[in-house]
N, C-alpha and C. Protein backbone atom coordinates (compact mmCIF):
# COMPACT_ATOMS: atom_id res chain seq x y z
N MET A 1 47.51 81.53 40.83
CA MET A 1 48.71 81.75 41.65
C MET A 1 49.79 82.31 40.79
N ALA A 2 50.95 83.56 41.74
CA ALA A 2 50.92 83.43 40.91
C ALA A 2 52.52 82.89 40.44
N ARG A 3 52.98 83.84 39.10
CA ARG A 3 54.09 82.93 38.22
C ARG A 3 55.57 82.66 40.01
N ARG A 4 56.56 82.80 39.36
CA ARG A 4 57.80 81.33 40.21
C ARG A 4 58.59 82.31 39.68
N PHE A 5 60.05 82.48 40.72
CA PHE A 5 61.09 82.91 39.83
C PHE A 5 62.13 81.56 39.97
N ARG A 6 62.28 81.59 39.11
CA ARG A 6 63.34 80.25 39.05
C ARG A 6 64.66 80.46 39.03
N GLY A 7 65.52 79.75 39.16
CA GLY A 7 67.14 80.19 39.07
C GLY A 7 68.11 80.50 40.06
N GLU A 8 69.03 81.16 39.10
CA GLU A 8 70.18 81.98 39.71
C GLU A 8 71.36 82.45 39.02
N SER A 9 72.30 84.09 39.32
CA SER A 9 73.13 84.56 38.39
C SER A 9 73.80 85.00 38.84
N ASP A 10 74.81 85.46 38.84
CA ASP A 10 75.72 86.79 39.37
C ASP A 10 75.35 87.57 38.26
N HIS A 11 75.41 88.86 38.80
CA HIS A 11 75.64 90.44 37.70
C HIS A 11 76.25 91.40 38.49
N LYS A 12 76.86 91.97 37.94
CA LYS A 12 77.56 93.08 38.46
C LYS A 12 77.09 94.20 38.85
N VAL A 13 77.80 94.74 39.77
CA VAL A 13 76.63 95.95 40.30
C VAL A 13 77.81 96.78 40.27
N ASP A 14 77.49 98.32 40.07
CA ASP A 14 78.47 99.39 39.49
C ASP A 14 78.10 99.99 40.58
N ALA A 15 79.29 101.84 40.39
CA ALA A 15 79.88 102.35 41.74
C ALA A 15 78.45 102.90 42.20
N LYS A 16 77.13 102.80 41.56
CA LYS A 16 76.30 103.66 41.94
C LYS A 16 74.68 102.60 42.04
N GLY A 17 75.26 101.32 41.82
CA GLY A 17 74.60 100.48 43.43
C GLY A 17 73.54 100.12 42.02
N ARG A 18 73.71 100.17 40.77
CA ARG A 18 72.96 99.78 38.86
C ARG A 18 73.17 98.27 38.99
N VAL A 19 72.32 97.53 39.11
CA VAL A 19 72.92 95.79 38.48
C VAL A 19 71.50 95.43 37.51
N SER A 20 71.52 94.52 36.89
CA SER A 20 70.50 94.02 36.30
C SER A 20 70.31 93.06 36.55
N ILE A 21 68.54 92.85 36.31
CA ILE A 21 67.29 91.73 36.67
C ILE A 21 67.83 90.59 35.81
N PRO A 22 67.65 89.05 37.04
CA PRO A 22 68.20 88.03 35.25
C PRO A 22 66.21 88.49 34.26
N ALA A 23 66.99 88.47 33.29
CA ALA A 23 65.16 88.73 32.21
C ALA A 23 64.34 87.89 32.62
N SER A 24 64.53 86.48 33.31
CA SER A 24 63.65 85.75 33.94
C SER A 24 62.69 86.36 35.37
N PHE A 25 64.04 86.33 35.79
CA PHE A 25 62.95 87.31 36.78
C PHE A 25 61.96 88.58 36.12
N ARG A 26 62.40 89.18 35.64
CA ARG A 26 62.40 90.76 34.94
C ARG A 26 60.42 90.13 34.43
N ARG A 27 60.46 88.93 33.69
CA ARG A 27 58.30 88.81 33.26
C ARG A 27 57.94 88.19 34.79
N VAL A 28 58.46 87.47 35.54
CA VAL A 28 57.97 87.21 36.60
C VAL A 28 57.23 88.70 37.21
N ILE A 29 58.03 90.44 37.28
CA ILE A 29 58.30 90.87 38.54
C ILE A 29 56.86 92.00 37.80
N GLU A 30 56.73 91.67 36.21
CA GLU A 30 55.87 92.07 35.39
C GLU A 30 54.85 91.25 35.78
N SER A 31 54.13 90.45 34.97
CA SER A 31 53.26 89.85 35.22
C SER A 31 52.11 90.14 36.74
N CYS A 32 53.35 90.14 37.49
CA CYS A 32 52.74 90.10 39.47
C CYS A 32 52.72 91.52 39.90
N ASP A 33 52.56 92.54 38.54
CA ASP A 33 52.23 93.49 39.31
C ASP A 33 51.62 94.23 38.35
N PRO A 34 50.11 94.63 39.23
CA PRO A 34 48.78 94.64 38.84
C PRO A 34 48.73 96.02 38.09
N GLU A 35 49.61 97.55 38.30
CA GLU A 35 49.43 98.51 37.48
C GLU A 35 50.06 97.99 35.67
N TRP A 36 51.28 97.09 36.37
CA TRP A 36 52.06 97.45 34.64
C TRP A 36 51.21 97.04 34.02
N THR A 37 51.80 97.74 32.81
CA THR A 37 51.35 97.69 31.26
C THR A 37 52.71 97.43 30.27
N GLU A 38 52.57 97.71 29.29
CA GLU A 38 54.06 97.94 28.26
C GLU A 38 54.48 99.34 27.94
N GLY A 39 55.37 99.37 28.41
CA GLY A 39 55.58 100.76 28.21
C GLY A 39 56.20 101.92 29.43
N LEU A 40 55.23 100.98 30.47
CA LEU A 40 55.80 101.77 32.13
C LEU A 40 56.84 100.67 32.55
N PRO A 41 57.48 101.32 33.71
CA PRO A 41 58.96 100.11 34.29
C PRO A 41 58.07 99.17 35.50
N PRO A 42 58.18 97.74 36.07
CA PRO A 42 57.10 97.22 37.09
C PRO A 42 58.16 98.02 38.06
N ARG A 43 57.60 97.13 38.57
CA ARG A 43 57.89 97.27 40.52
C ARG A 43 57.94 96.44 41.34
N LEU A 44 58.89 96.70 42.40
CA LEU A 44 58.69 95.22 42.88
C LEU A 44 59.15 96.35 44.32
N ILE A 45 59.43 94.93 45.27
CA ILE A 45 59.41 95.16 46.53
C ILE A 45 60.84 94.75 47.52
N LEU A 46 61.64 94.99 48.28
CA LEU A 46 63.48 94.97 48.06
C LEU A 46 62.79 95.04 50.44
N VAL A 47 63.02 93.62 50.54
CA VAL A 47 63.05 94.09 52.35
C VAL A 47 64.26 93.89 52.53
N TYR A 48 65.07 94.35 53.46
CA TYR A 48 66.32 94.36 53.50
C TYR A 48 66.62 94.46 54.93
N GLY A 49 65.34 94.13 56.21
CA GLY A 49 65.58 94.42 57.58
C GLY A 49 65.49 92.85 57.80
N GLY A 50 66.24 93.23 59.51
CA GLY A 50 66.44 92.02 60.35
C GLY A 50 67.37 92.01 60.46
N ALA A 51 68.20 91.96 62.15
CA ALA A 51 69.24 91.58 61.80
C ALA A 51 70.10 90.33 61.94
N THR A 52 69.57 88.98 61.95
CA THR A 52 70.16 87.71 61.11
C THR A 52 69.99 88.24 59.59
N ARG A 53 69.75 88.55 58.83
CA ARG A 53 68.91 88.49 57.50
C ARG A 53 70.37 88.94 56.48
N ASP A 54 71.00 87.87 55.81
CA ASP A 54 72.32 88.68 55.05
C ASP A 54 72.49 88.95 53.80
N TYR A 55 71.23 88.82 53.36
CA TYR A 55 70.96 88.89 52.30
C TYR A 55 69.25 90.14 52.23
N ILE A 56 69.30 90.41 50.19
CA ILE A 56 67.98 91.71 50.74
C ILE A 56 67.38 90.24 50.00
N GLU A 57 65.56 90.55 50.01
CA GLU A 57 64.35 89.44 49.92
C GLU A 57 63.75 90.77 48.79
N GLY A 58 63.53 90.42 47.65
CA GLY A 58 62.30 90.70 46.63
C GLY A 58 60.99 90.18 46.20
N PHE A 59 60.67 90.44 46.69
CA PHE A 59 58.75 90.48 46.25
C PHE A 59 58.13 91.35 45.42
N THR A 60 57.66 90.68 44.63
CA THR A 60 56.40 91.35 43.46
C THR A 60 55.70 91.61 44.05
N ILE A 61 54.94 92.27 43.57
CA ILE A 61 54.17 93.47 44.47
C ILE A 61 53.24 92.10 44.59
N GLU A 62 52.25 91.81 44.23
CA GLU A 62 51.37 90.81 44.05
C GLU A 62 51.72 89.87 46.04
N ALA A 63 53.36 89.03 45.76
CA ALA A 63 53.45 88.85 46.88
C ALA A 63 53.75 89.89 48.34
N MET A 64 54.05 90.50 47.76
CA MET A 64 54.27 92.18 48.55
C MET A 64 52.27 92.21 49.38
N ASP A 65 51.73 92.32 48.45
CA ASP A 65 50.09 92.39 48.56
C ASP A 65 49.82 91.04 50.00
N GLU A 66 50.06 89.90 49.78
CA GLU A 66 50.03 88.36 50.65
C GLU A 66 50.43 88.73 51.80
N VAL A 67 51.96 89.24 51.74
CA VAL A 67 52.13 89.49 53.29
C VAL A 67 51.62 90.48 54.05
N ASP A 68 51.20 91.59 53.86
CA ASP A 68 50.21 92.78 53.75
C ASP A 68 49.07 92.17 54.32
N GLU A 69 48.45 91.50 53.73
CA GLU A 69 47.32 91.11 54.45
C GLU A 69 47.23 89.83 55.19
N LYS A 70 48.75 88.92 55.99
CA LYS A 70 48.19 88.29 56.72
C LYS A 70 48.93 89.18 57.74
N ILE A 71 49.68 90.10 57.83
CA ILE A 71 50.26 90.94 59.27
C ILE A 71 48.62 91.76 59.13
N SER A 72 48.07 92.07 58.47
CA SER A 72 46.80 92.87 58.76
C SER A 72 45.83 92.10 59.46
N ARG A 73 45.73 90.37 59.74
CA ARG A 73 45.03 89.56 60.51
C ARG A 73 45.47 89.52 62.12
N PHE A 74 46.67 90.03 62.33
CA PHE A 74 47.55 90.24 63.41
C PHE A 74 46.01 91.61 64.10
N PRO A 75 46.08 91.46 65.35
CA PRO A 75 45.20 92.46 66.08
C PRO A 75 46.30 93.96 66.32
N ARG A 76 45.73 94.93 65.74
CA ARG A 76 46.64 96.44 65.52
C ARG A 76 46.98 96.59 66.58
N GLY A 77 48.20 97.19 66.82
CA GLY A 77 49.08 96.95 68.05
C GLY A 77 49.47 96.56 69.03
N SER A 78 49.66 94.92 68.59
CA SER A 78 49.99 93.31 69.47
C SER A 78 51.72 93.92 68.90
N ALA A 79 52.32 92.94 69.94
CA ALA A 79 53.73 92.99 69.38
C ALA A 79 54.40 92.35 67.74
N LYS A 80 52.73 90.78 68.19
CA LYS A 80 53.51 90.72 66.35
C LYS A 80 53.67 91.03 65.40
N ARG A 81 52.23 92.29 65.43
CA ARG A 81 52.13 93.01 64.07
C ARG A 81 53.00 93.70 63.87
N LYS A 82 53.60 94.29 65.46
CA LYS A 82 54.22 95.49 65.21
C LYS A 82 55.57 95.46 64.20
N ALA A 83 56.52 94.07 65.11
CA ALA A 83 57.56 93.07 64.74
C ALA A 83 57.40 92.44 63.38
N LEU A 84 55.84 92.59 62.11
CA LEU A 84 56.26 92.08 61.23
C LEU A 84 55.92 93.25 60.33
N GLU A 85 55.77 94.91 60.93
CA GLU A 85 55.26 95.67 60.04
C GLU A 85 56.57 96.02 60.28
N ARG A 86 57.16 95.98 61.10
CA ARG A 86 58.90 96.98 61.07
C ARG A 86 59.87 96.39 60.32
N LEU A 87 59.84 94.92 60.15
CA LEU A 87 60.17 94.44 58.67
C LEU A 87 59.97 94.57 57.59
N TYR A 88 58.56 94.08 57.60
CA TYR A 88 58.21 94.17 56.10
C TYR A 88 57.58 95.60 55.26
N SER A 89 57.11 97.05 56.23
CA SER A 89 56.64 97.94 55.88
C SER A 89 57.89 98.44 55.83
N ALA A 90 58.54 99.08 57.17
CA ALA A 90 59.93 99.90 57.63
C ALA A 90 60.41 99.73 56.64
N GLN A 91 61.47 98.57 56.68
CA GLN A 91 62.78 97.85 56.88
C GLN A 91 62.87 97.30 55.11
N ALA A 92 61.73 98.13 54.18
CA ALA A 92 61.88 97.77 53.01
C ALA A 92 61.73 99.16 51.65
N VAL A 93 61.81 98.52 50.59
CA VAL A 93 61.78 99.44 49.62
C VAL A 93 61.11 99.77 48.46
N GLU A 94 60.72 100.43 47.75
CA GLU A 94 59.47 99.81 46.61
C GLU A 94 60.60 99.95 45.57
N ILE A 95 61.09 99.97 44.51
CA ILE A 95 61.85 99.88 43.63
C ILE A 95 61.43 100.03 41.73
N THR A 96 61.65 99.85 41.35
CA THR A 96 61.53 100.28 39.67
C THR A 96 62.45 99.67 38.90
N VAL A 97 62.30 98.60 38.12
CA VAL A 97 63.05 98.41 37.07
C VAL A 97 62.96 99.70 35.64
N ASP A 98 63.98 99.77 35.31
CA ASP A 98 64.49 100.73 34.88
C ASP A 98 64.11 99.89 32.79
N GLU A 99 64.27 101.09 31.39
CA GLU A 99 64.06 100.14 30.75
C GLU A 99 65.28 99.24 30.10
N THR A 100 65.73 99.31 31.05
CA THR A 100 67.62 98.57 30.61
C THR A 100 67.21 97.33 31.42
N GLY A 101 66.58 96.73 31.91
CA GLY A 101 66.64 96.00 32.92
C GLY A 101 66.87 96.15 34.84
N ARG A 102 67.72 96.84 34.78
CA ARG A 102 68.38 96.96 35.75
C ARG A 102 67.99 98.30 36.82
N ILE A 103 68.01 98.10 37.98
CA ILE A 103 67.06 98.49 39.57
C ILE A 103 68.76 98.91 40.19
N VAL A 104 68.49 100.21 41.12
CA VAL A 104 69.73 100.94 42.06
C VAL A 104 69.14 100.38 43.06
N LEU A 105 69.88 99.72 43.38
CA LEU A 105 70.13 99.00 45.09
C LEU A 105 70.77 100.27 45.83
N PRO A 106 69.73 101.12 46.94
CA PRO A 106 70.69 101.66 47.43
C PRO A 106 71.33 101.62 48.47
N ALA A 107 72.62 102.85 48.77
CA ALA A 107 73.53 102.29 49.46
C ALA A 107 73.41 101.76 50.48
N LYS A 108 72.40 102.16 51.59
CA LYS A 108 72.18 101.14 52.37
C LYS A 108 71.97 99.74 52.47
N LEU A 109 70.87 99.58 51.50
CA LEU A 109 70.85 98.14 51.35
C LEU A 109 72.49 97.43 50.65
N ARG A 110 72.79 97.65 50.48
CA ARG A 110 73.93 97.30 49.88
C ARG A 110 75.33 97.10 50.63
N GLU A 111 75.46 98.55 51.86
CA GLU A 111 75.96 98.40 52.87
C GLU A 111 75.93 97.36 54.04
N LYS A 112 74.70 97.21 53.85
CA LYS A 112 74.06 96.28 55.05
C LYS A 112 74.11 94.80 54.35
N ILE A 113 74.41 93.94 53.90
CA ILE A 113 75.19 93.23 53.39
C ILE A 113 76.53 93.67 52.63
N GLY A 114 76.82 93.72 53.06
CA GLY A 114 78.50 93.97 51.87
C GLY A 114 78.47 93.90 50.40
N LEU A 115 77.70 94.04 50.07
CA LEU A 115 77.55 93.61 48.73
C LEU A 115 78.53 95.07 47.74
N GLU A 116 79.14 94.17 46.71
CA GLU A 116 79.89 95.38 46.61
C GLU A 116 80.65 94.60 44.89
N GLY A 117 81.07 95.36 43.96
CA GLY A 117 81.31 94.38 42.94
C GLY A 117 80.09 93.32 42.17
N MET A 118 79.46 92.32 42.87
CA MET A 118 79.15 91.19 42.13
C MET A 118 78.14 90.88 43.12
N ALA A 119 76.65 90.81 43.20
CA ALA A 119 75.74 89.91 43.13
C ALA A 119 74.98 89.19 42.36
N ARG A 120 74.77 87.77 43.51
CA ARG A 120 74.09 86.62 43.61
C ARG A 120 72.37 86.84 43.67
N PHE A 121 71.54 86.85 42.88
CA PHE A 121 70.12 86.57 42.60
C PHE A 121 69.71 84.97 42.48
N ILE A 122 69.21 84.83 43.38
CA ILE A 122 68.24 83.48 43.56
C ILE A 122 67.09 83.43 43.92
N ALA A 123 66.24 82.58 43.36
CA ALA A 123 65.15 82.62 43.21
C ALA A 123 64.49 81.27 44.66
N SER A 124 63.38 82.09 45.20
CA SER A 124 63.34 81.85 46.02
C SER A 124 61.53 81.27 46.04
N GLY A 125 60.83 80.74 44.83
CA GLY A 125 59.72 80.42 44.94
C GLY A 125 59.37 82.22 44.21
N ASP A 126 58.25 82.86 45.13
CA ASP A 126 57.14 83.75 44.97
C ASP A 126 58.30 84.87 45.56
N THR A 127 59.40 84.75 45.53
CA THR A 127 60.24 85.71 46.19
C THR A 127 61.24 85.26 45.56
N PHE A 128 62.98 86.31 45.75
CA PHE A 128 63.90 86.09 45.41
C PHE A 128 64.93 86.85 45.91
N GLU A 129 66.12 86.22 46.08
CA GLU A 129 67.37 87.28 47.29
C GLU A 129 68.17 87.28 46.75
N ILE A 130 68.84 88.05 47.37
CA ILE A 130 69.78 88.86 46.96
C ILE A 130 71.19 88.76 48.06
N TRP A 131 72.05 88.54 47.06
CA TRP A 131 73.42 87.95 48.15
C TRP A 131 74.41 87.82 47.71
N LYS A 132 75.24 88.90 48.51
CA LYS A 132 76.69 89.15 48.42
C LYS A 132 77.38 86.91 48.21
N PRO A 133 77.62 86.92 46.37
CA PRO A 133 78.01 85.84 46.34
C PRO A 133 79.49 85.00 47.48
N GLU A 134 79.97 85.53 48.42
CA GLU A 134 80.51 85.00 49.25
C GLU A 134 79.90 84.29 50.78
N ALA A 135 78.85 85.31 51.09
CA ALA A 135 77.89 84.84 52.02
C ALA A 135 76.52 83.27 51.74
N ASP A 136 76.37 83.34 50.41
CA ASP A 136 75.85 83.07 49.97
C ASP A 136 76.85 80.93 49.87
N GLU A 137 77.12 81.13 49.36
CA GLU A 137 78.58 80.23 49.44
C GLU A 137 78.08 79.97 50.79
N ALA A 138 78.27 80.86 51.81
CA ALA A 138 78.68 80.04 53.48
C ALA A 138 77.72 79.29 53.81
N THR A 139 76.30 79.50 53.21
CA THR A 139 74.82 79.27 53.29
C THR A 139 74.21 77.93 52.40
N ILE A 140 74.96 77.68 51.61
CA ILE A 140 74.85 77.06 51.09
C ILE A 140 75.94 75.45 52.15
N ASP A 141 77.33 75.85 52.28
CA ASP A 141 77.74 74.82 52.81
C ASP A 141 76.95 74.39 54.04
N ALA A 142 76.25 75.40 55.26
CA ALA A 142 75.45 75.41 55.99
C ALA A 142 74.62 74.36 55.75
N LEU A 143 73.62 74.51 55.01
CA LEU A 143 72.46 73.68 54.48
C LEU A 143 72.97 71.90 54.09
N ASP A 144 74.05 71.63 53.87
CA ASP A 144 74.30 70.09 53.33
C ASP A 144 74.80 70.15 54.43
N GLU A 145 75.13 70.84 55.74
CA GLU A 145 75.91 70.21 56.59
C GLU A 145 74.64 69.95 57.66
N GLU A 146 73.73 70.58 57.67
CA GLU A 146 72.53 69.53 58.23
C GLU A 146 70.67 69.70 58.20
N GLY A 147 71.18 70.10 56.73
CA GLY A 147 69.63 70.20 55.86
C GLY A 147 69.08 68.67 55.48
N PHE A 148 70.03 68.11 54.75
CA PHE A 148 69.50 66.89 54.01
C PHE A 148 70.31 65.96 54.63
N ASP A 149 70.28 64.49 54.43
CA ASP A 149 70.91 63.79 53.81
C ASP A 149 71.68 63.42 52.39
N PRO A 150 73.05 63.63 52.84
CA PRO A 150 73.11 63.75 51.86
C PRO A 150 73.49 61.97 51.01
N ASP A 151 73.26 61.61 51.44
CA ASP A 151 73.44 59.67 50.97
C ASP A 151 71.82 60.00 50.04
N LEU A 152 70.88 60.73 50.29
CA LEU A 152 68.99 60.71 49.89
C LEU A 152 68.79 61.62 48.80
N ASP A 153 67.70 60.89 47.90
CA ASP A 153 67.62 62.35 47.18
C ASP A 153 66.98 63.19 47.31
N PRO A 154 67.20 64.45 47.01
CA PRO A 154 66.70 65.63 47.66
C PRO A 154 65.15 65.44 47.20
N SER A 155 64.92 64.43 46.33
CA SER A 155 63.02 64.49 46.08
C SER A 155 62.22 63.87 47.03
N ALA A 156 62.74 62.89 48.02
CA ALA A 156 62.79 62.63 48.70
C ALA A 156 61.69 63.10 49.36
N TYR A 157 62.10 64.65 50.41
CA TYR A 157 61.64 65.76 50.75
C TYR A 157 60.21 66.58 50.29
N LEU A 158 59.97 66.09 49.42
CA LEU A 158 58.61 67.26 48.43
C LEU A 158 57.65 66.41 49.75
N ASP A 159 57.21 64.87 49.50
CA ASP A 159 56.38 64.97 50.37
C ASP A 159 55.99 65.35 51.81
N GLY A 160 56.95 65.74 51.96
CA GLY A 160 57.13 66.38 53.13
C GLY A 160 56.70 65.21 54.77
N ASP A 161 57.27 64.17 54.50
CA ASP A 161 57.21 62.24 55.27
C ASP A 161 58.44 62.61 55.93
N LEU A 162 60.03 63.32 55.29
CA LEU A 162 61.05 63.17 56.14
C LEU A 162 61.31 64.39 57.09
N ASP A 163 61.83 63.96 58.04
CA ASP A 163 62.63 65.12 59.06
C ASP A 163 63.86 65.69 58.63
């Protein structure tokens, strides 16, 4: 099983779209890029597509290989396969992490989620998300309203027995 992302943090985005990746995230990206070796820049995939996405999703190379494998199981030309290929292939970019631990977020991606000034990196298991901090805070409020019973310890949901 691939290493997993943990934690969240805010990072400054400069005028050229450069932003530092959290150091712990970089270790996961490196370990999950089969072509990475010391001295080479590790690669990742940023998925920005989908009208309902308010964030950019970061995939390691290994995680994206798993997604591509799942997509290839659908019949070629099927509507579901076309939709998934559109989201995970066409509306995605391969990015490299530079020697200082930064990536450049293309203007198209920053504009899609209204990102300027600060970016929030949030671990999501084998992927991570990049949010405009204000948009992330709104989704946290929505989760609190509809996701968990506020009087119940969230660990009770880990066994999957509660709806």
